[in-house]
Amino acid sequence: MMALIGVLVLLVMVFGGFALTGGNLGPILHALPHEMLIIGGAAIGALIISNNVKSLKELGAGTMRIFKGPRFRKADYLAAIFLTVKLVRLLKVEGAVAVEAHVESPQSSNIWSEYPQLLADPFFVSLVCDTLRLLVVSTGTVSSVAIEDVLDSAIATQHQHAMEPCEKMHVLADALPALGIVAAVLGVVKTMGSIDQPPAVLGAMIGSALVGTFLGVLLAYGLVGPAAARLKHIIEADAEIYHVVRRVILASIRNQPQPIVLEQARTAISPANQPAFSEVFEGMRGR
């Protein structure tokens, strides 16, 4: 919602301010479709050249996230703590056989079924299940430092992949001013081909050409660049839930008391979604 509001404010302030200062929107609106066809078409072509189909789909999904905002809310962070604590405790108390079904087939697990939002995130599922598998097959011989390295590597790799759409948007934002110049140059070429026309006609044609430069800069620094920055913030916000898993597992295998396990997980969450101390401890009762 905030992204949409920002776009509306941007357009109203730029074009409204131009109109209020006596500018005539007619030439801009007349040239807008043609200039957008050149700039937008060139931008799409550049994206197709530099990416495969999978990357383009991920870019499209990332664009949708800009308007949807972060995927996880406070309730999801609480759920991540409860789920991970429950599975690790099951492994430590009842052993590998008890946790095997929940790790090998999470889709049919009665524990995972309580947390559908987390089950819908493939990386979250693999992070929890693969780490528990590693603890099982190592039969207690692996050190917490080794597990920490594995968790850090998995989270870092996932984060790098998740940031790729954001990086592509930054590249596109950097290219848009130059593509605007391309559109403007084509407009000038068209104008020079009509040099025998009256000054009023030539002035309108030159104005249309300059709209290309204007659009390239506006799209780069007013829309695509800020959108890339927002997507980066959303990706980083959603990544916090994986650090919750990391802290629960590490504190548990280091045999920390459960209050310490819970508090280490809770403090990995930013203030916007961080549950209160009482919410975590009261929520764990009876689980």
Protein backbone atom coordinates (compact mmCIF):
# COMPACT_ATOMS: atom_id res chain seq x y z
CA MET A 1 0.00 0.00 0.00
CA MET A 2 2.76 2.47 0.93
CA ALA A 3 4.52 1.83 -2.38
CA LEU A 4 1.34 2.62 -4.30
CA ILE A 5 0.79 5.79 -2.26
CA GLY A 6 4.37 6.82 -3.00
CA VAL A 7 3.85 6.38 -6.76
CA LEU A 8 0.70 8.50 -6.66
CA VAL A 9 2.42 11.25 -4.66
CA LEU A 10 5.35 11.24 -7.08
CA LEU A 11 3.15 11.61 -10.16
CA VAL A 12 0.91 14.26 -8.61
CA MET A 13 3.81 16.35 -7.35
CA VAL A 14 5.84 16.20 -10.57
CA PHE A 15 3.07 16.73 -13.12
CA GLY A 16 0.88 18.80 -10.80
CA GLY A 17 3.78 21.09 -9.95
CA PHE A 18 4.58 21.50 -13.63
CA ALA A 19 0.96 22.41 -14.39
CA LEU A 20 0.71 24.82 -11.43
CA THR A 21 3.75 26.75 -12.65
CA GLY A 22 2.06 27.36 -16.00
CA GLY A 23 3.37 24.35 -17.87
CA ASN A 24 1.28 22.82 -20.62
CA LEU A 25 0.77 19.09 -20.10
CA GLY A 26 -0.50 18.64 -23.65
CA PRO A 27 2.88 18.11 -25.38
CA ILE A 28 4.01 15.74 -22.60
CA LEU A 29 0.86 13.65 -22.78
CA HIS A 30 1.07 13.60 -26.57
CA ALA A 31 4.67 12.37 -26.56
CA LEU A 32 4.31 10.06 -23.54
CA PRO A 33 3.06 6.89 -25.31
CA HIS A 34 5.73 6.98 -28.00
CA GLU A 35 8.60 7.77 -25.62
CA MET A 36 7.43 5.09 -23.17
CA LEU A 37 7.30 2.60 -26.05
CA ILE A 38 10.94 3.32 -26.92
CA ILE A 39 12.29 3.51 -23.35
CA GLY A 40 10.13 0.72 -21.93
CA GLY A 41 10.69 -1.52 -24.91
CA ALA A 42 14.44 -1.01 -24.75
CA ALA A 43 14.43 -1.71 -21.01
CA ILE A 44 12.45 -4.94 -21.47
CA GLY A 45 14.74 -5.99 -24.30
CA ALA A 46 17.81 -5.37 -22.15
CA LEU A 47 16.31 -7.46 -19.34
CA ILE A 48 15.60 -10.32 -21.74
CA ILE A 49 19.15 -10.19 -23.10
CA SER A 50 20.75 -10.29 -19.65
CA ASN A 51 18.49 -12.83 -17.93
CA ASN A 52 17.00 -16.28 -18.38
CA VAL A 53 13.32 -17.16 -17.97
CA LYS A 54 13.72 -18.17 -14.33
CA SER A 55 15.43 -14.89 -13.46
CA LEU A 56 12.71 -12.90 -15.21
CA LYS A 57 10.02 -14.75 -13.23
CA GLU A 58 11.88 -14.02 -10.01
CA LEU A 59 12.11 -10.36 -11.00
CA GLY A 60 8.36 -10.32 -11.58
CA ALA A 61 7.74 -11.94 -8.20
CA GLY A 62 10.06 -9.40 -6.59
CA THR A 63 8.11 -6.56 -8.19
CA MET A 64 4.91 -7.91 -6.64
CA ARG A 65 6.59 -8.03 -3.22
CA ILE A 66 7.24 -4.30 -3.43
CA PHE A 67 3.50 -3.70 -3.21
CA LYS A 68 2.68 -6.57 -0.86
CA GLY A 69 5.40 -5.76 1.67
CA PRO A 70 7.19 -8.24 3.97
CA ARG A 71 5.80 -11.77 3.99
CA PHE A 72 6.17 -12.44 7.71
CA ARG A 73 4.40 -10.77 10.64
CA LYS A 74 4.78 -11.01 14.41
CA ALA A 75 2.62 -14.14 14.57
CA ASP A 76 4.94 -15.88 12.08
CA TYR A 77 8.00 -15.11 14.18
CA LEU A 78 6.29 -16.55 17.23
CA ALA A 79 5.35 -19.59 15.17
CA ALA A 80 8.97 -19.99 14.02
CA ILE A 81 10.16 -20.03 17.64
CA PHE A 82 7.50 -22.49 18.78
CA LEU A 83 7.94 -24.84 15.82
CA THR A 84 11.74 -25.00 15.96
CA VAL A 85 11.82 -25.40 19.75
CA LYS A 86 9.24 -28.18 19.54
CA LEU A 87 11.14 -30.14 16.87
CA VAL A 88 14.56 -29.76 18.52
CA ARG A 89 13.11 -30.76 21.90
CA LEU A 90 11.48 -33.81 20.30
CA LEU A 91 14.85 -34.84 18.88
CA LYS A 92 16.66 -34.40 22.19
CA VAL A 93 14.02 -36.06 24.37
CA GLU A 94 12.63 -38.87 22.20
CA GLY A 95 15.43 -39.36 19.70
CA ALA A 96 15.88 -39.59 15.95
CA VAL A 97 12.99 -42.01 15.33
CA ALA A 98 10.46 -39.61 16.85
CA VAL A 99 11.54 -36.64 14.72
CA GLU A 100 12.16 -38.57 11.50
CA ALA A 101 8.59 -38.32 10.14
CA HIS A 102 8.47 -34.55 10.74
CA VAL A 103 11.80 -34.05 8.98
CA GLU A 104 11.41 -36.42 6.04
CA SER A 105 7.79 -35.55 5.26
CA PRO A 106 6.92 -32.13 6.69
CA GLN A 107 3.87 -31.82 4.41
CA SER A 108 2.19 -34.66 6.30
CA SER A 109 3.53 -33.76 9.75
CA ASN A 110 0.98 -32.91 12.42
CA ILE A 111 3.49 -30.46 13.94
CA TRP A 112 4.20 -28.61 10.70
CA SER A 113 0.49 -28.51 9.86
CA GLU A 114 -0.02 -26.11 12.77
CA TYR A 115 2.14 -23.54 10.95
CA PRO A 116 0.96 -23.36 7.29
CA GLN A 117 2.63 -19.98 6.64
CA LEU A 118 6.03 -21.44 7.52
CA LEU A 119 5.34 -24.67 5.65
CA ALA A 120 4.71 -22.58 2.52
CA ASP A 121 8.28 -21.25 2.60
CA PRO A 122 10.54 -23.90 0.99
CA PHE A 123 13.76 -22.45 2.36
CA PHE A 124 12.42 -22.27 5.91
CA VAL A 125 11.38 -25.92 5.70
CA SER A 126 14.73 -27.03 4.27
CA LEU A 127 16.69 -24.99 6.80
CA VAL A 128 14.93 -26.65 9.74
CA CYS A 129 14.70 -30.16 8.30
CA ASP A 130 18.20 -30.35 6.80
CA THR A 131 19.80 -29.14 10.02
CA LEU A 132 17.88 -31.69 12.07
CA ARG A 133 18.88 -34.40 9.59
CA LEU A 134 22.50 -33.37 10.06
CA LEU A 135 22.13 -33.65 13.84
CA VAL A 136 20.58 -37.10 13.44
CA VAL A 137 23.17 -38.58 11.08
CA SER A 138 26.07 -37.14 13.07
CA THR A 139 24.83 -39.07 16.14
CA GLY A 140 25.88 -36.31 18.49
CA THR A 141 29.49 -36.12 17.31
CA VAL A 142 29.24 -32.85 15.39
CA SER A 143 30.20 -29.65 17.20
CA SER A 144 27.95 -26.64 17.58
CA VAL A 145 30.57 -24.59 15.71
CA ALA A 146 30.23 -26.85 12.68
CA ILE A 147 26.43 -26.58 12.79
CA GLU A 148 26.76 -22.81 13.08
CA ASP A 149 28.94 -22.73 9.97
CA VAL A 150 26.40 -24.80 8.04
CA LEU A 151 23.52 -22.56 9.12
CA ASP A 152 25.43 -19.38 8.32
CA SER A 153 26.41 -20.69 4.90
CA ALA A 154 22.84 -21.75 4.04
CA ILE A 155 21.35 -18.43 5.15
CA ALA A 156 24.01 -16.41 3.33
CA THR A 157 23.53 -18.37 0.10
CA GLN A 158 19.76 -17.97 0.25
CA HIS A 159 20.07 -14.26 0.98
CA GLN A 160 22.42 -13.73 -1.95
CA HIS A 161 19.95 -15.48 -4.26
CA ALA A 162 16.98 -13.54 -2.83
CA MET A 163 18.77 -10.25 -3.49
CA GLU A 164 19.25 -10.94 -7.22
CA PRO A 165 15.96 -9.29 -8.33
CA CYS A 166 16.90 -6.23 -6.30
CA GLU A 167 20.30 -6.05 -7.98
CA LYS A 168 18.69 -6.38 -11.42
CA MET A 169 16.37 -3.49 -10.62
CA HIS A 170 19.35 -1.35 -9.60
CA VAL A 171 21.05 -2.16 -12.92
CA LEU A 172 17.86 -1.21 -14.76
CA ALA A 173 17.60 2.05 -12.82
CA ASP A 174 21.18 2.91 -13.82
CA ALA A 175 20.38 2.21 -17.48
CA LEU A 176 17.11 4.16 -17.77
CA PRO A 177 18.63 7.67 -18.04
CA ALA A 178 20.79 6.48 -20.96
CA LEU A 179 17.76 4.86 -22.60
CA GLY A 180 15.95 8.17 -22.17
CA ILE A 181 18.79 9.85 -24.04
CA VAL A 182 18.41 7.27 -26.82
CA ALA A 183 14.74 8.22 -27.15
CA ALA A 184 15.66 11.92 -27.11
CA VAL A 185 18.31 11.48 -29.82
CA LEU A 186 15.80 9.67 -32.02
CA GLY A 187 13.43 12.60 -31.50
CA VAL A 188 16.15 15.05 -32.53
CA VAL A 189 16.87 12.95 -35.64
CA LYS A 190 13.18 13.14 -36.49
CA THR A 191 13.20 16.88 -35.93
CA MET A 192 16.22 17.40 -38.19
CA GLY A 193 14.37 15.55 -40.92
CA SER A 194 11.65 18.19 -40.70
CA ILE A 195 13.93 21.23 -40.52
CA ASP A 196 11.91 22.99 -43.23
CA GLN A 197 8.83 23.13 -41.00
CA PRO A 198 7.65 26.32 -39.22
CA PRO A 199 9.23 27.17 -35.82
CA ALA A 200 6.05 26.21 -33.95
CA VAL A 201 6.15 22.70 -35.41
CA LEU A 202 9.88 22.33 -34.78
CA GLY A 203 9.42 23.55 -31.20
CA ALA A 204 6.77 20.91 -30.55
CA MET A 205 8.99 18.19 -32.03
CA ILE A 206 11.99 19.24 -29.92
CA GLY A 207 9.77 19.31 -26.83
CA SER A 208 8.61 15.77 -27.57
CA ALA A 209 12.23 14.66 -27.89
CA LEU A 210 13.10 16.15 -24.51
CA VAL A 211 10.25 14.18 -22.93
CA GLY A 212 12.38 11.06 -23.53
CA THR A 213 15.21 12.41 -21.38
CA PHE A 214 12.72 13.51 -18.75
CA LEU A 215 11.06 10.10 -18.60
CA GLY A 216 14.35 8.21 -18.41
CA VAL A 217 15.50 10.25 -15.41
CA LEU A 218 12.08 10.17 -13.70
CA LEU A 219 11.73 6.41 -14.08
CA ALA A 220 15.27 5.79 -12.85
CA TYR A 221 15.38 8.01 -9.79
CA GLY A 222 11.69 8.36 -9.03
CA LEU A 223 10.38 4.82 -9.54
CA VAL A 224 12.78 1.97 -10.29
CA GLY A 225 15.61 3.07 -7.97
CA PRO A 226 13.32 3.59 -4.93
CA ALA A 227 11.49 0.35 -5.78
CA ALA A 228 14.80 -1.54 -5.69
CA ALA A 229 15.61 0.03 -2.31
CA ARG A 230 12.20 -1.00 -0.94
CA LEU A 231 12.61 -4.55 -2.24
CA LYS A 232 15.99 -4.77 -0.51
CA HIS A 233 14.40 -3.68 2.77
CA ILE A 234 11.62 -6.28 2.39
CA ILE A 235 14.07 -9.09 1.64
CA GLU A 236 16.22 -8.19 4.64
CA ALA A 237 13.16 -7.97 6.89
CA ASP A 238 11.91 -11.42 5.84
CA ALA A 239 15.38 -12.93 6.32
CA GLU A 240 15.15 -12.34 10.08
CA ILE A 241 12.94 -15.39 10.49
CA TYR A 242 15.82 -17.64 9.37
CA HIS A 243 18.04 -16.18 12.06
CA VAL A 244 15.35 -17.11 14.58
CA VAL A 245 15.75 -20.74 13.52
CA ARG A 246 19.52 -20.42 13.70
CA ARG A 247 19.48 -19.10 17.25
CA VAL A 248 17.01 -21.70 18.52
CA ILE A 249 19.00 -24.61 17.10
CA LEU A 250 22.41 -23.35 18.25
CA ALA A 251 21.27 -22.47 21.76
CA SER A 252 19.51 -25.84 22.06
CA ILE A 253 22.45 -28.01 20.98
CA ARG A 254 24.66 -26.02 23.34
CA ASN A 255 22.31 -27.18 26.10
CA GLN A 256 21.23 -23.71 27.11
CA PRO A 257 18.18 -23.54 29.44
CA GLN A 258 14.92 -23.08 27.57
CA PRO A 259 14.43 -19.47 28.81
CA ILE A 260 17.79 -18.58 27.26
CA VAL A 261 16.88 -20.39 24.02
CA LEU A 262 13.64 -18.45 23.76
CA GLU A 263 15.20 -15.11 24.59
CA GLN A 264 18.05 -15.57 22.11
CA ALA A 265 15.47 -16.27 19.40
CA ARG A 266 13.22 -13.37 20.43
CA THR A 267 16.03 -10.82 20.39
CA ALA A 268 16.96 -11.80 16.80
CA ILE A 269 13.74 -10.12 15.66
CA SER A 270 13.60 -6.39 14.84
CA PRO A 271 11.35 -4.16 17.01
CA ALA A 272 8.64 -3.95 14.33
CA ASN A 273 7.82 -7.65 14.73
CA GLN A 274 9.52 -8.57 17.98
CA PRO A 275 7.06 -10.23 20.40
CA ALA A 276 7.09 -9.29 24.05
CA PHE A 277 8.93 -11.45 26.57
CA SER A 278 5.62 -12.59 28.04
CA GLU A 279 4.17 -13.50 24.61
CA VAL A 280 6.98 -15.96 23.94
CA PHE A 281 7.02 -17.59 27.37
CA GLU A 282 3.24 -17.73 27.72
CA GLY A 283 2.96 -19.12 24.20
CA MET A 284 5.36 -21.96 24.98
CA ARG A 285 3.28 -23.20 27.89
CA GLY A 286 1.56 -26.44 27.08
CA ARG A 287 3.46 -26.92 23.83
